[in-house]
């Protein structure tokens, strides 16, 4: 795990994974070397990743021009490499939509 501070939403998603007995994800999984890109949660053996997008209502990094553009490049590169990347808002993590989606994705992978 890299030294970035875990968000409360990431901690909640990790808790949901354990509670639902989802296979343990790799946290902060680096992909596409030599780029420094990481997924918040990944199941590399199934090429599935989950990204928890915080700050969408407060003008966070993911909604500003340069952050949005960098995210688009990251996700497009991941898709070209065969990754299925699922992006979740805080509300989706909190209400259980995120973990339900990941469970379904892992079942069909």
PDB file of N, CA and C in Angstrom:
ATOM      1  N   UNK A   1       0.842  -1.173   0.000  1.00  0.00           N
ATOM      2  CA  UNK A   1       0.000   0.000   0.000  1.00  0.00           C
ATOM      3  C   UNK A   1       0.886   1.236   0.000  1.00  0.00           C
ATOM      4  N   UNK A   2       0.556   2.204  -0.800  1.00  0.00           N
ATOM      5  CA  UNK A   2       1.378   3.410  -0.819  1.00  0.00           C
ATOM      6  C   UNK A   2       0.990   4.313   0.348  1.00  0.00           C
ATOM      7  N   UNK A   3       1.779   5.341   0.583  1.00  0.00           N
ATOM      8  CA  UNK A   3       1.537   6.147   1.769  1.00  0.00           C
ATOM      9  C   UNK A   3       0.334   7.083   1.709  1.00  0.00           C
ATOM     10  N   UNK A   4      -0.411   7.099   0.603  1.00  0.00           N
ATOM     11  CA  UNK A   4      -1.562   8.005   0.556  1.00  0.00           C
ATOM     12  C   UNK A   4      -2.533   7.654   1.671  1.00  0.00           C
ATOM     13  N   UNK A   5      -3.190   8.660   2.166  1.00  0.00           N
ATOM     14  CA  UNK A   5      -4.127   8.453   3.265  1.00  0.00           C
ATOM     15  C   UNK A   5      -5.394   7.776   2.739  1.00  0.00           C
ATOM     16  N   UNK A   6      -5.792   6.719   3.413  1.00  0.00           N
ATOM     17  CA  UNK A   6      -7.025   6.047   3.027  1.00  0.00           C
ATOM     18  C   UNK A   6      -8.216   6.919   3.389  1.00  0.00           C
ATOM     19  N   UNK A   7      -9.153   6.990   2.487  1.00  0.00           N
ATOM     20  CA  UNK A   7     -10.362   7.747   2.786  1.00  0.00           C
ATOM     21  C   UNK A   7     -11.313   6.880   3.605  1.00  0.00           C
ATOM     22  N   UNK A   8     -12.230   7.533   4.269  1.00  0.00           N
ATOM     23  CA  UNK A   8     -13.255   6.803   5.016  1.00  0.00           C
ATOM     24  C   UNK A   8     -14.081   5.926   4.074  1.00  0.00           C
ATOM     25  N   UNK A   9     -14.291   6.395   2.854  1.00  0.00           N
ATOM     26  CA  UNK A   9     -15.049   5.603   1.883  1.00  0.00           C
ATOM     27  C   UNK A   9     -14.287   4.348   1.482  1.00  0.00           C
ATOM     28  N   UNK A  10     -12.970   4.461   1.311  1.00  0.00           N
ATOM     29  CA  UNK A  10     -12.168   3.276   0.993  1.00  0.00           C
ATOM     30  C   UNK A  10     -12.196   2.281   2.144  1.00  0.00           C
ATOM     31  N   UNK A  11     -12.119   2.786   3.365  1.00  0.00           N
ATOM     32  CA  UNK A  11     -12.199   1.900   4.529  1.00  0.00           C
ATOM     33  C   UNK A  11     -13.557   1.201   4.588  1.00  0.00           C
ATOM     34  N   UNK A  12     -14.617   1.932   4.264  1.00  0.00           N
ATOM     35  CA  UNK A  12     -15.954   1.344   4.260  1.00  0.00           C
ATOM     36  C   UNK A  12     -16.073   0.278   3.175  1.00  0.00           C
ATOM     37  N   UNK A  13     -15.544   0.562   1.992  1.00  0.00           N
ATOM     38  CA  UNK A  13     -15.607  -0.433   0.919  1.00  0.00           C
ATOM     39  C   UNK A  13     -14.831  -1.688   1.313  1.00  0.00           C
ATOM     40  N   UNK A  14     -13.662  -1.528   1.905  1.00  0.00           N
ATOM     41  CA  UNK A  14     -12.871  -2.677   2.369  1.00  0.00           C
ATOM     42  C   UNK A  14     -13.664  -3.483   3.404  1.00  0.00           C
ATOM     43  N   UNK A  15     -14.355  -2.786   4.300  1.00  0.00           N
ATOM     44  CA  UNK A  15     -15.199  -3.460   5.287  1.00  0.00           C
ATOM     45  C   UNK A  15     -16.306  -4.252   4.592  1.00  0.00           C
ATOM     46  N   UNK A  16     -16.952  -3.647   3.601  1.00  0.00           N
ATOM     47  CA  UNK A  16     -18.012  -4.343   2.864  1.00  0.00           C
ATOM     48  C   UNK A  16     -17.468  -5.600   2.190  1.00  0.00           C
ATOM     49  N   UNK A  17     -16.259  -5.515   1.643  1.00  0.00           N
ATOM     50  CA  UNK A  17     -15.647  -6.691   1.007  1.00  0.00           C
ATOM     51  C   UNK A  17     -15.504  -7.827   2.016  1.00  0.00           C
ATOM     52  N   UNK A  18     -15.001  -7.500   3.192  1.00  0.00           N
ATOM     53  CA  UNK A  18     -14.833  -8.529   4.233  1.00  0.00           C
ATOM     54  C   UNK A  18     -16.187  -9.065   4.698  1.00  0.00           C
ATOM     55  N   UNK A  19     -17.132  -8.169   4.926  1.00  0.00           N
ATOM     56  CA  UNK A  19     -18.447  -8.571   5.430  1.00  0.00           C
ATOM     57  C   UNK A  19     -19.184  -9.474   4.445  1.00  0.00           C
ATOM     58  N   UNK A  20     -19.017  -9.212   3.157  1.00  0.00           N
ATOM     59  CA  UNK A  20     -19.694 -10.000   2.126  1.00  0.00           C
ATOM     60  C   UNK A  20     -18.861 -11.198   1.668  1.00  0.00           C
ATOM     61  N   UNK A  21     -17.690 -11.371   2.290  1.00  0.00           N
ATOM     62  CA  UNK A  21     -16.789 -12.475   1.958  1.00  0.00           C
ATOM     63  C   UNK A  21     -16.380 -12.474   0.482  1.00  0.00           C
ATOM     64  N   UNK A  22     -16.195 -11.278  -0.040  1.00  0.00           N
ATOM     65  CA  UNK A  22     -15.671 -11.108  -1.392  1.00  0.00           C
ATOM     66  C   UNK A  22     -14.189 -11.472  -1.342  1.00  0.00           C
ATOM     67  N   UNK A  23     -13.655 -12.117  -2.378  1.00  0.00           N
ATOM     68  CA  UNK A  23     -12.217 -12.397  -2.368  1.00  0.00           C
ATOM     69  C   UNK A  23     -11.437 -11.123  -2.047  1.00  0.00           C
ATOM     70  N   UNK A  24     -10.397 -11.284  -1.242  1.00  0.00           N
ATOM     71  CA  UNK A  24      -9.656 -10.108  -0.783  1.00  0.00           C
ATOM     72  C   UNK A  24      -9.009  -9.369  -1.955  1.00  0.00           C
ATOM     73  N   UNK A  25      -9.291  -8.084  -2.079  1.00  0.00           N
ATOM     74  CA  UNK A  25      -8.683  -7.309  -3.165  1.00  0.00           C
ATOM     75  C   UNK A  25      -7.252  -6.903  -2.818  1.00  0.00           C
ATOM     76  N   UNK A  26      -6.501  -6.593  -3.853  1.00  0.00           N
ATOM     77  CA  UNK A  26      -5.188  -5.974  -3.681  1.00  0.00           C
ATOM     78  C   UNK A  26      -5.443  -4.485  -3.559  1.00  0.00           C
ATOM     79  N   UNK A  27      -4.927  -3.877  -2.511  1.00  0.00           N
ATOM     80  CA  UNK A  27      -5.115  -2.443  -2.303  1.00  0.00           C
ATOM     81  C   UNK A  27      -4.005  -1.690  -3.016  1.00  0.00           C
ATOM     82  N   UNK A  28      -4.358  -0.574  -3.625  1.00  0.00           N
ATOM     83  CA  UNK A  28      -3.390   0.291  -4.304  1.00  0.00           C
ATOM     84  C   UNK A  28      -2.564  -0.495  -5.316  1.00  0.00           C
ATOM     85  N   UNK A  29      -3.254  -1.289  -6.124  1.00  0.00           N
ATOM     86  CA  UNK A  29      -2.587  -2.128  -7.131  1.00  0.00           C
ATOM     87  C   UNK A  29      -2.036  -1.272  -8.267  1.00  0.00           C
ATOM     88  N   UNK A  30      -0.759  -1.381  -8.492  1.00  0.00           N
ATOM     89  CA  UNK A  30      -0.111  -0.631  -9.572  1.00  0.00           C
ATOM     90  C   UNK A  30      -0.245  -1.416 -10.869  1.00  0.00           C
ATOM     91  N   UNK A  31      -0.624  -0.712 -11.915  1.00  0.00           N
ATOM     92  CA  UNK A  31      -0.735  -1.348 -13.226  1.00  0.00           C
ATOM     93  C   UNK A  31      -0.078  -0.438 -14.256  1.00  0.00           C
ATOM     94  N   UNK A  32       0.188  -0.970 -15.422  1.00  0.00           N
ATOM     95  CA  UNK A  32       0.746  -0.218 -16.556  1.00  0.00           C
ATOM     96  C   UNK A  32       2.085   0.435 -16.253  1.00  0.00           C
ATOM     97  N   UNK A  33       3.045  -0.319 -15.661  1.00  0.00           N
ATOM     98  CA  UNK A  33       4.370   0.273 -15.457  1.00  0.00           C
ATOM     99  C   UNK A  33       4.927   0.740 -16.798  1.00  0.00           C
ATOM    100  N   UNK A  34       5.690   1.759 -16.879  1.00  0.00           N
ATOM    101  CA  UNK A  34       6.332   2.465 -15.770  1.00  0.00           C
ATOM    102  C   UNK A  34       5.467   3.572 -15.169  1.00  0.00           C
ATOM    103  N   UNK A  35       4.227   3.699 -15.629  1.00  0.00           N
ATOM    104  CA  UNK A  35       3.342   4.706 -15.035  1.00  0.00           C
ATOM    105  C   UNK A  35       3.141   4.386 -13.559  1.00  0.00           C
ATOM    106  N   UNK A  36       2.818   5.385 -12.785  1.00  0.00           N
ATOM    107  CA  UNK A  36       2.633   5.207 -11.347  1.00  0.00           C
ATOM    108  C   UNK A  36       1.157   5.018 -10.974  1.00  0.00           C
ATOM    109  N   UNK A  37       0.336   4.749 -11.974  1.00  0.00           N
ATOM    110  CA  UNK A  37      -1.090   4.596 -11.721  1.00  0.00           C
ATOM    111  C   UNK A  37      -1.364   3.422 -10.792  1.00  0.00           C
ATOM    112  N   UNK A  38      -2.368   3.603  -9.963  1.00  0.00           N
ATOM    113  CA  UNK A  38      -2.811   2.551  -9.050  1.00  0.00           C
ATOM    114  C   UNK A  38      -4.337   2.519  -9.038  1.00  0.00           C
ATOM    115  N   UNK A  39      -4.864   1.319  -8.806  1.00  0.00           N
ATOM    116  CA  UNK A  39      -6.294   1.166  -8.553  1.00  0.00           C
ATOM    117  C   UNK A  39      -6.494   1.146  -7.047  1.00  0.00           C
ATOM    118  N   UNK A  40      -7.591   1.703  -6.564  1.00  0.00           N
ATOM    119  CA  UNK A  40      -7.887   1.644  -5.134  1.00  0.00           C
ATOM    120  C   UNK A  40      -8.003   0.191  -4.674  1.00  0.00           C
ATOM    121  N   UNK A  41      -8.720  -0.611  -5.450  1.00  0.00           N
ATOM    122  CA  UNK A  41      -8.932  -2.032  -5.153  1.00  0.00           C
ATOM    123  C   UNK A  41      -8.830  -2.790  -6.468  1.00  0.00           C
ATOM    124  N   UNK A  42      -8.179  -3.948  -6.445  1.00  0.00           N
ATOM    125  CA  UNK A  42      -8.057  -4.731  -7.675  1.00  0.00           C
ATOM    126  C   UNK A  42      -8.070  -6.219  -7.371  1.00  0.00           C
ATOM    127  N   UNK A  43      -8.568  -6.948  -8.332  1.00  0.00           N
ATOM    128  CA  UNK A  43      -8.525  -8.399  -8.346  1.00  0.00           C
ATOM    129  C   UNK A  43      -7.776  -8.747  -9.630  1.00  0.00           C
ATOM    130  N   UNK A  44      -6.436  -8.684  -9.594  1.00  0.00           N
ATOM    131  CA  UNK A  44      -5.630  -8.824 -10.810  1.00  0.00           C
ATOM    132  C   UNK A  44      -5.847 -10.135 -11.555  1.00  0.00           C
ATOM    133  N   UNK A  45      -6.110 -11.214 -10.836  1.00  0.00           N
ATOM    134  CA  UNK A  45      -6.324 -12.495 -11.500  1.00  0.00           C
ATOM    135  C   UNK A  45      -7.585 -12.488 -12.352  1.00  0.00           C
ATOM    136  N   UNK A  46      -8.477 -11.552 -12.093  1.00  0.00           N
ATOM    137  CA  UNK A  46      -9.723 -11.433 -12.863  1.00  0.00           C
ATOM    138  C   UNK A  46      -9.781 -10.142 -13.671  1.00  0.00           C
ATOM    139  N   UNK A  47      -8.732  -9.340 -13.570  1.00  0.00           N
ATOM    140  CA  UNK A  47      -8.650  -8.071 -14.306  1.00  0.00           C
ATOM    141  C   UNK A  47      -9.842  -7.159 -14.002  1.00  0.00           C
ATOM    142  N   UNK A  48     -10.201  -7.102 -12.723  1.00  0.00           N
ATOM    143  CA  UNK A  48     -11.289  -6.244 -12.253  1.00  0.00           C
ATOM    144  C   UNK A  48     -10.714  -5.255 -11.255  1.00  0.00           C
ATOM    145  N   UNK A  49     -11.128  -4.000 -11.372  1.00  0.00           N
ATOM    146  CA  UNK A  49     -10.666  -2.961 -10.452  1.00  0.00           C
ATOM    147  C   UNK A  49     -11.845  -2.111 -10.005  1.00  0.00           C
ATOM    148  N   UNK A  50     -11.713  -1.572  -8.797  1.00  0.00           N
ATOM    149  CA  UNK A  50     -12.722  -0.661  -8.254  1.00  0.00           C
ATOM    150  C   UNK A  50     -12.032   0.628  -7.835  1.00  0.00           C
ATOM    151  N   UNK A  51     -12.613   1.734  -8.235  1.00  0.00           N
ATOM    152  CA  UNK A  51     -12.115   3.051  -7.874  1.00  0.00           C
ATOM    153  C   UNK A  51     -13.204   3.779  -7.091  1.00  0.00           C
ATOM    154  N   UNK A  52     -12.840   4.283  -5.928  1.00  0.00           N
ATOM    155  CA  UNK A  52     -13.762   5.064  -5.108  1.00  0.00           C
ATOM    156  C   UNK A  52     -13.467   6.535  -5.385  1.00  0.00           C
ATOM    157  N   UNK A  53     -14.405   7.199  -6.027  1.00  0.00           N
ATOM    158  CA  UNK A  53     -14.214   8.584  -6.464  1.00  0.00           C
ATOM    159  C   UNK A  53     -14.784   9.534  -5.416  1.00  0.00           C
ATOM    160  N   UNK A  54     -13.942  10.076  -4.598  1.00  0.00           N
ATOM    161  CA  UNK A  54     -14.385  11.013  -3.569  1.00  0.00           C
ATOM    162  C   UNK A  54     -14.387  12.445  -4.077  1.00  0.00           C
ATOM    163  N   UNK A  55     -15.018  13.300  -3.338  1.00  0.00           N
ATOM    164  CA  UNK A  55     -14.990  14.733  -3.623  1.00  0.00           C
ATOM    165  C   UNK A  55     -15.742  15.181  -4.852  1.00  0.00           C
ATOM    166  N   UNK A  56     -16.686  14.373  -5.324  1.00  0.00           N
ATOM    167  CA  UNK A  56     -17.365  14.765  -6.564  1.00  0.00           C
ATOM    168  C   UNK A  56     -18.318  15.940  -6.375  1.00  0.00           C
ATOM    169  N   UNK A  57     -18.792  16.167  -5.163  1.00  0.00           N
ATOM    170  CA  UNK A  57     -19.707  17.282  -4.911  1.00  0.00           C
ATOM    171  C   UNK A  57     -18.992  18.486  -4.315  1.00  0.00           C
ATOM    172  N   UNK A  58     -17.724  18.329  -3.996  1.00  0.00           N
ATOM    173  CA  UNK A  58     -16.986  19.418  -3.348  1.00  0.00           C
ATOM    174  C   UNK A  58     -15.881  19.974  -4.230  1.00  0.00           C
ATOM    175  N   UNK A  59     -15.930  19.660  -5.508  1.00  0.00           N
ATOM    176  CA  UNK A  59     -14.909  20.167  -6.422  1.00  0.00           C
ATOM    177  C   UNK A  59     -13.569  19.478  -6.241  1.00  0.00           C
ATOM    178  N   UNK A  60     -13.609  18.218  -5.881  1.00  0.00           N
ATOM    179  CA  UNK A  60     -12.379  17.454  -5.679  1.00  0.00           C
ATOM    180  C   UNK A  60     -11.622  17.214  -6.971  1.00  0.00           C
ATOM    181  N   UNK A  61     -10.492  16.578  -6.832  1.00  0.00           N
ATOM    182  CA  UNK A  61      -9.570  16.338  -7.934  1.00  0.00           C
ATOM    183  C   UNK A  61     -10.241  15.686  -9.143  1.00  0.00           C
ATOM    184  N   UNK A  62     -11.157  14.756  -8.907  1.00  0.00           N
ATOM    185  CA  UNK A  62     -11.751  14.001 -10.006  1.00  0.00           C
ATOM    186  C   UNK A  62     -12.690  14.835 -10.866  1.00  0.00           C
ATOM    187  N   UNK A  63     -13.091  16.013 -10.384  1.00  0.00           N
ATOM    188  CA  UNK A  63     -14.029  16.833 -11.148  1.00  0.00           C
ATOM    189  C   UNK A  63     -13.383  18.052 -11.780  1.00  0.00           C
ATOM    190  N   UNK A  64     -12.148  18.345 -11.427  1.00  0.00           N
ATOM    191  CA  UNK A  64     -11.447  19.480 -12.036  1.00  0.00           C
ATOM    192  C   UNK A  64     -10.841  19.037 -13.365  1.00  0.00           C
ATOM    193  N   UNK A  65     -10.652  19.973 -14.258  1.00  0.00           N
ATOM    194  CA  UNK A  65     -10.194  19.673 -15.606  1.00  0.00           C
ATOM    195  C   UNK A  65      -8.985  18.763 -15.683  1.00  0.00           C
ATOM    196  N   UNK A  66      -7.894  19.129 -15.032  1.00  0.00           N
ATOM    197  CA  UNK A  66      -6.670  18.327 -15.146  1.00  0.00           C
ATOM    198  C   UNK A  66      -6.835  16.961 -14.491  1.00  0.00           C
ATOM    199  N   UNK A  67      -7.538  16.901 -13.367  1.00  0.00           N
ATOM    200  CA  UNK A  67      -7.767  15.616 -12.708  1.00  0.00           C
ATOM    201  C   UNK A  67      -8.659  14.710 -13.531  1.00  0.00           C
ATOM    202  N   UNK A  68      -9.695  15.301 -14.127  1.00  0.00           N
ATOM    203  CA  UNK A  68     -10.607  14.524 -14.961  1.00  0.00           C
ATOM    204  C   UNK A  68      -9.873  13.976 -16.178  1.00  0.00           C
ATOM    205  N   UNK A  69      -9.032  14.815 -16.789  1.00  0.00           N
ATOM    206  CA  UNK A  69      -8.280  14.378 -17.962  1.00  0.00           C
ATOM    207  C   UNK A  69      -7.306  13.259 -17.599  1.00  0.00           C
ATOM    208  N   UNK A  70      -6.610  13.392 -16.476  1.00  0.00           N
ATOM    209  CA  UNK A  70      -5.676  12.355 -16.039  1.00  0.00           C
ATOM    210  C   UNK A  70      -6.416  11.043 -15.757  1.00  0.00           C
ATOM    211  N   UNK A  71      -7.591  11.147 -15.142  1.00  0.00           N
ATOM    212  CA  UNK A  71      -8.386   9.946 -14.882  1.00  0.00           C
ATOM    213  C   UNK A  71      -8.812   9.284 -16.188  1.00  0.00           C
ATOM    214  N   UNK A  72      -9.223  10.079 -17.169  1.00  0.00           N
ATOM    215  CA  UNK A  72      -9.638   9.523 -18.456  1.00  0.00           C
ATOM    216  C   UNK A  72      -8.486   8.756 -19.100  1.00  0.00           C
ATOM    217  N   UNK A  73      -7.293   9.322 -19.066  1.00  0.00           N
ATOM    218  CA  UNK A  73      -6.122   8.634 -19.627  1.00  0.00           C
ATOM    219  C   UNK A  73      -5.865   7.320 -18.883  1.00  0.00           C
ATOM    220  N   UNK A  74      -5.931   7.369 -17.583  1.00  0.00           N
ATOM    221  CA  UNK A  74      -5.710   6.171 -16.754  1.00  0.00           C
ATOM    222  C   UNK A  74      -6.731   5.086 -17.093  1.00  0.00           C
ATOM    223  N   UNK A  75      -8.006   5.436 -17.119  1.00  0.00           N
ATOM    224  CA  UNK A  75      -9.042   4.433 -17.345  1.00  0.00           C
ATOM    225  C   UNK A  75      -9.026   3.909 -18.781  1.00  0.00           C
ATOM    226  N   UNK A  76      -8.708   4.753 -19.740  1.00  0.00           N
ATOM    227  CA  UNK A  76      -8.600   4.283 -21.119  1.00  0.00           C
ATOM    228  C   UNK A  76      -7.438   3.314 -21.277  1.00  0.00           C
ATOM    229  N   UNK A  77      -6.303   3.620 -20.651  1.00  0.00           N
ATOM    230  CA  UNK A  77      -5.148   2.723 -20.698  1.00  0.00           C
ATOM    231  C   UNK A  77      -5.491   1.386 -20.053  1.00  0.00           C
ATOM    232  N   UNK A  78      -6.187   1.437 -18.934  1.00  0.00           N
ATOM    233  CA  UNK A  78      -6.598   0.202 -18.257  1.00  0.00           C
ATOM    234  C   UNK A  78      -7.522  -0.627 -19.149  1.00  0.00           C
ATOM    235  N   UNK A  79      -8.474   0.014 -19.799  1.00  0.00           N
ATOM    236  CA  UNK A  79      -9.403  -0.700 -20.679  1.00  0.00           C
ATOM    237  C   UNK A  79      -8.672  -1.353 -21.840  1.00  0.00           C
ATOM    238  N   UNK A  80      -7.731  -0.638 -22.426  1.00  0.00           N
ATOM    239  CA  UNK A  80      -6.958  -1.202 -23.528  1.00  0.00           C
ATOM    240  C   UNK A  80      -6.135  -2.408 -23.087  1.00  0.00           C
ATOM    241  N   UNK A  81      -5.764  -2.445 -21.816  1.00  0.00           N
ATOM    242  CA  UNK A  81      -4.990  -3.566 -21.277  1.00  0.00           C
ATOM    243  C   UNK A  81      -5.889  -4.719 -20.820  1.00  0.00           C
ATOM    244  N   UNK A  82      -7.206  -4.560 -20.964  1.00  0.00           N
ATOM    245  CA  UNK A  82      -8.124  -5.635 -20.626  1.00  0.00           C
ATOM    246  C   UNK A  82      -8.773  -5.549 -19.257  1.00  0.00           C
ATOM    247  N   UNK A  83      -8.528  -4.459 -18.542  1.00  0.00           N
ATOM    248  CA  UNK A  83      -9.123  -4.292 -17.213  1.00  0.00           C
ATOM    249  C   UNK A  83     -10.579  -3.871 -17.332  1.00  0.00           C
ATOM    250  N   UNK A  84     -11.404  -4.356 -16.402  1.00  0.00           N
ATOM    251  CA  UNK A  84     -12.773  -3.861 -16.219  1.00  0.00           C
ATOM    252  C   UNK A  84     -12.724  -2.998 -14.971  1.00  0.00           C
ATOM    253  N   UNK A  85     -12.857  -1.693 -15.160  1.00  0.00           N
ATOM    254  CA  UNK A  85     -12.736  -0.741 -14.054  1.00  0.00           C
ATOM    255  C   UNK A  85     -14.123  -0.230 -13.692  1.00  0.00           C
ATOM    256  N   UNK A  86     -14.471  -0.392 -12.427  1.00  0.00           N
ATOM    257  CA  UNK A  86     -15.752   0.076 -11.915  1.00  0.00           C
ATOM    258  C   UNK A  86     -15.497   1.287 -11.034  1.00  0.00           C
ATOM    259  N   UNK A  87     -16.193   2.370 -11.334  1.00  0.00           N
ATOM    260  CA  UNK A  87     -16.023   3.625 -10.596  1.00  0.00           C
ATOM    261  C   UNK A  87     -17.245   3.853  -9.726  1.00  0.00           C
ATOM    262  N   UNK A  88     -16.979   4.193  -8.462  1.00  0.00           N
ATOM    263  CA  UNK A  88     -18.063   4.353  -7.504  1.00  0.00           C
ATOM    264  C   UNK A  88     -17.983   5.684  -6.787  1.00  0.00           C
ATOM    265  N   UNK A  89     -19.135   6.297  -6.599  1.00  0.00           N
ATOM    266  CA  UNK A  89     -19.236   7.511  -5.793  1.00  0.00           C
ATOM    267  C   UNK A  89     -19.344   7.115  -4.319  1.00  0.00           C
ATOM    268  N   UNK A  90     -19.215   8.096  -3.457  1.00  0.00           N
ATOM    269  CA  UNK A  90     -19.377   7.845  -2.035  1.00  0.00           C
ATOM    270  C   UNK A  90     -20.745   7.280  -1.702  1.00  0.00           C
ATOM    271  N   UNK A  91     -21.772   7.812  -2.351  1.00  0.00           N
ATOM    272  CA  UNK A  91     -23.128   7.316  -2.104  1.00  0.00           C
ATOM    273  C   UNK A  91     -23.253   5.849  -2.497  1.00  0.00           C
ATOM    274  N   UNK A  92     -22.617   5.460  -3.588  1.00  0.00           N
ATOM    275  CA  UNK A  92     -22.683   4.071  -4.043  1.00  0.00           C
ATOM    276  C   UNK A  92     -21.973   3.131  -3.069  1.00  0.00           C
ATOM    277  N   UNK A  93     -20.887   3.605  -2.471  1.00  0.00           N
ATOM    278  CA  UNK A  93     -20.211   2.802  -1.449  1.00  0.00           C
ATOM    279  C   UNK A  93     -21.101   2.704  -0.220  1.00  0.00           C
ATOM    280  N   UNK A  94     -21.618   3.831   0.228  1.00  0.00           N
ATOM    281  CA  UNK A  94     -22.414   3.876   1.459  1.00  0.00           C
ATOM    282  C   UNK A  94     -23.700   3.063   1.377  1.00  0.00           C
ATOM    283  N   UNK A  95     -24.371   3.103   0.224  1.00  0.00           N
ATOM    284  CA  UNK A  95     -25.664   2.410   0.136  1.00  0.00           C
ATOM    285  C   UNK A  95     -25.558   0.955  -0.316  1.00  0.00           C
ATOM    286  N   UNK A  96     -24.344   0.467  -0.544  1.00  0.00           N
ATOM    287  CA  UNK A  96     -24.148  -0.937  -0.891  1.00  0.00           C
ATOM    288  C   UNK A  96     -24.135  -1.244  -2.370  1.00  0.00           C
ATOM    289  N   UNK A  97     -24.427  -0.262  -3.213  1.00  0.00           N
ATOM    290  CA  UNK A  97     -24.411  -0.492  -4.652  1.00  0.00           C
ATOM    291  C   UNK A  97     -23.028  -0.930  -5.128  1.00  0.00           C
ATOM    292  N   UNK A  98     -21.988  -0.334  -4.580  1.00  0.00           N
ATOM    293  CA  UNK A  98     -20.622  -0.650  -5.017  1.00  0.00           C
ATOM    294  C   UNK A  98     -20.286  -2.113  -4.765  1.00  0.00           C
ATOM    295  N   UNK A  99     -20.501  -2.597  -3.561  1.00  0.00           N
ATOM    296  CA  UNK A  99     -20.137  -3.982  -3.255  1.00  0.00           C
ATOM    297  C   UNK A  99     -21.011  -4.961  -4.025  1.00  0.00           C
ATOM    298  N   UNK A 100     -22.285  -4.634  -4.225  1.00  0.00           N
ATOM    299  CA  UNK A 100     -23.159  -5.506  -5.015  1.00  0.00           C
ATOM    300  C   UNK A 100     -22.666  -5.614  -6.453  1.00  0.00           C
ATOM    301  N   UNK A 101     -22.242  -4.498  -7.017  1.00  0.00           N
ATOM    302  CA  UNK A 101     -21.729  -4.495  -8.386  1.00  0.00           C
ATOM    303  C   UNK A 101     -20.463  -5.333  -8.488  1.00  0.00           C
ATOM    304  N   UNK A 102     -19.552  -5.159  -7.547  1.00  0.00           N
ATOM    305  CA  UNK A 102     -18.302  -5.921  -7.574  1.00  0.00           C
ATOM    306  C   UNK A 102     -18.577  -7.410  -7.392  1.00  0.00           C
ATOM    307  N   UNK A 103     -19.484  -7.754  -6.505  1.00  0.00           N
ATOM    308  CA  UNK A 103     -19.833  -9.171  -6.340  1.00  0.00           C
ATOM    309  C   UNK A 103     -20.314  -9.769  -7.655  1.00  0.00           C
ATOM    310  N   UNK A 104     -21.190  -9.071  -8.353  1.00  0.00           N
ATOM    311  CA  UNK A 104     -21.697  -9.560  -9.641  1.00  0.00           C
ATOM    312  C   UNK A 104     -20.572  -9.685 -10.658  1.00  0.00           C
ATOM    313  N   UNK A 105     -19.698  -8.690 -10.704  1.00  0.00           N
ATOM    314  CA  UNK A 105     -18.586  -8.725 -11.657  1.00  0.00           C
ATOM    315  C   UNK A 105     -17.665  -9.911 -11.384  1.00  0.00           C
ATOM    316  N   UNK A 106     -17.377 -10.165 -10.121  1.00  0.00           N
ATOM    317  CA  UNK A 106     -16.495 -11.279  -9.770  1.00  0.00           C
ATOM    318  C   UNK A 106     -17.150 -12.631 -10.054  1.00  0.00           C
ATOM    319  N   UNK A 107     -18.461 -12.701  -9.938  1.00  0.00           N
ATOM    320  CA  UNK A 107     -19.171 -13.953 -10.220  1.00  0.00           C
ATOM    321  C   UNK A 107     -19.083 -14.339 -11.683  1.00  0.00           C
ATOM    322  N   UNK A 108     -19.071 -13.361 -12.573  1.00  0.00           N
ATOM    323  CA  UNK A 108     -19.065 -13.667 -14.011  1.00  0.00           C
ATOM    324  C   UNK A 108     -17.673 -13.611 -14.626  1.00  0.00           C
ATOM    325  N   UNK A 109     -16.685 -13.243 -13.833  1.00  0.00           N
ATOM    326  CA  UNK A 109     -15.317 -13.131 -14.373  1.00  0.00           C
ATOM    327  C   UNK A 109     -14.680 -14.500 -14.498  1.00  0.00           C
TER     328      UNK A 109
END
